[in-house]
Amino acid sequence: MGFDDLVNNAKDALNSEKAEEISDSVLDKAEGLAGKVGDGKYADQAADIRNNIDGKIGNE
């Protein structure tokens, strides 16, 4: 297996359904924590940030 194969396997793993599930879980928890810390004051901003990041990670 060459270097290009390793790179392609890594890209495939990052764009897999499992990676999407994990990233969604982490982002949901981070958004919830941000909401609790700010007493809901920044809930809309936290949701916007979460959605922006989610669009760049995973396959959905």
C-alpha atoms as a PDB file:
ATOM      1  CA  MET A   1       0.000   0.000   0.000  1.00  0.00           C
ATOM      2  CA  GLY A   2       1.477   3.309  -1.081  1.00  0.00           C
ATOM      3  CA  PHE A   3       1.198   6.767   0.380  1.00  0.00           C
ATOM      4  CA  ASP A   4      -1.597   7.738  -2.029  1.00  0.00           C
ATOM      5  CA  ASP A   5      -3.602   4.718  -0.897  1.00  0.00           C
ATOM      6  CA  LEU A   6      -3.210   5.774   2.725  1.00  0.00           C
ATOM      7  CA  VAL A   7      -4.336   9.322   1.923  1.00  0.00           C
ATOM      8  CA  ASN A   8      -7.358   8.039   0.006  1.00  0.00           C
ATOM      9  CA  ASN A   9      -8.286   5.661   2.839  1.00  0.00           C
ATOM     10  CA  ALA A  10      -8.075   8.522   5.331  1.00  0.00           C
ATOM     11  CA  LYS A  11     -10.316  10.690   3.142  1.00  0.00           C
ATOM     12  CA  ASP A  12     -12.819   7.866   2.812  1.00  0.00           C
ATOM     13  CA  ALA A  13     -12.845   7.354   6.585  1.00  0.00           C
ATOM     14  CA  LEU A  14     -13.462  11.046   7.234  1.00  0.00           C
ATOM     15  CA  ASN A  15     -16.368  11.065   4.802  1.00  0.00           C
ATOM     16  CA  SER A  16     -17.961   7.870   6.095  1.00  0.00           C
ATOM     17  CA  GLU A  17     -21.334   7.483   7.784  1.00  0.00           C
ATOM     18  CA  LYS A  18     -19.603   6.578  11.065  1.00  0.00           C
ATOM     19  CA  ALA A  19     -17.539   9.786  10.955  1.00  0.00           C
ATOM     20  CA  GLU A  20     -20.766  11.719  10.362  1.00  0.00           C
ATOM     21  CA  GLU A  21     -22.399  10.095  13.398  1.00  0.00           C
ATOM     22  CA  ILE A  22     -19.404  10.825  15.619  1.00  0.00           C
ATOM     23  CA  SER A  23     -19.040  14.420  14.453  1.00  0.00           C
ATOM     24  CA  ASP A  24     -22.766  15.049  14.914  1.00  0.00           C
ATOM     25  CA  SER A  25     -22.607  13.671  18.444  1.00  0.00           C
ATOM     26  CA  VAL A  26     -19.598  15.804  19.379  1.00  0.00           C
ATOM     27  CA  LEU A  27     -21.081  18.934  17.819  1.00  0.00           C
ATOM     28  CA  ASP A  28     -24.446  18.376  19.535  1.00  0.00           C
ATOM     29  CA  LYS A  29     -22.721  18.075  22.913  1.00  0.00           C
ATOM     30  CA  ALA A  30     -20.589  21.165  22.292  1.00  0.00           C
ATOM     31  CA  GLU A  31     -23.669  23.151  21.252  1.00  0.00           C
ATOM     32  CA  GLY A  32     -25.527  22.012  24.376  1.00  0.00           C
ATOM     33  CA  LEU A  33     -22.607  22.952  26.596  1.00  0.00           C
ATOM     34  CA  ALA A  34     -22.354  26.391  25.008  1.00  0.00           C
ATOM     35  CA  GLY A  35     -26.055  26.874  25.647  1.00  0.00           C
ATOM     36  CA  LYS A  36     -25.723  25.910  29.314  1.00  0.00           C
ATOM     37  CA  VAL A  37     -22.659  28.060  29.934  1.00  0.00           C
ATOM     38  CA  GLY A  38     -24.341  31.105  28.409  1.00  0.00           C
ATOM     39  CA  ASP A  39     -27.712  30.415  30.102  1.00  0.00           C
ATOM     40  CA  GLY A  40     -29.271  30.123  26.643  1.00  0.00           C
ATOM     41  CA  LYS A  41     -28.119  33.624  25.795  1.00  0.00           C
ATOM     42  CA  TYR A  42     -25.978  32.418  22.888  1.00  0.00           C
ATOM     43  CA  ALA A  43     -28.060  29.441  21.793  1.00  0.00           C
ATOM     44  CA  ASP A  44     -28.719  30.833  18.296  1.00  0.00           C
ATOM     45  CA  GLN A  45     -25.052  31.642  17.744  1.00  0.00           C
ATOM     46  CA  ALA A  46     -24.002  28.208  19.031  1.00  0.00           C
ATOM     47  CA  ALA A  47     -26.462  26.540  16.633  1.00  0.00           C
ATOM     48  CA  ASP A  48     -25.142  28.591  13.707  1.00  0.00           C
ATOM     49  CA  ILE A  49     -21.548  27.677  14.526  1.00  0.00           C
ATOM     50  CA  ARG A  50     -22.479  24.019  14.975  1.00  0.00           C
ATOM     51  CA  ASN A  51     -24.230  23.906  11.602  1.00  0.00           C
ATOM     52  CA  ASN A  52     -21.339  25.662   9.877  1.00  0.00           C
ATOM     53  CA  ILE A  53     -18.808  23.189  11.235  1.00  0.00           C
ATOM     54  CA  ASP A  54     -21.095  20.234  10.509  1.00  0.00           C
ATOM     55  CA  GLY A  55     -21.267  21.250   6.869  1.00  0.00           C
ATOM     56  CA  LYS A  56     -17.495  20.932   6.619  1.00  0.00           C
ATOM     57  CA  ILE A  57     -17.147  17.581   8.415  1.00  0.00           C
ATOM     58  CA  GLY A  58     -18.533  14.213   7.396  1.00  0.00           C
ATOM     59  CA  ASN A  59     -20.747  13.406   4.444  1.00  0.00           C
ATOM     60  CA  GLU A  60     -23.995  15.267   5.165  1.00  0.00           C
END
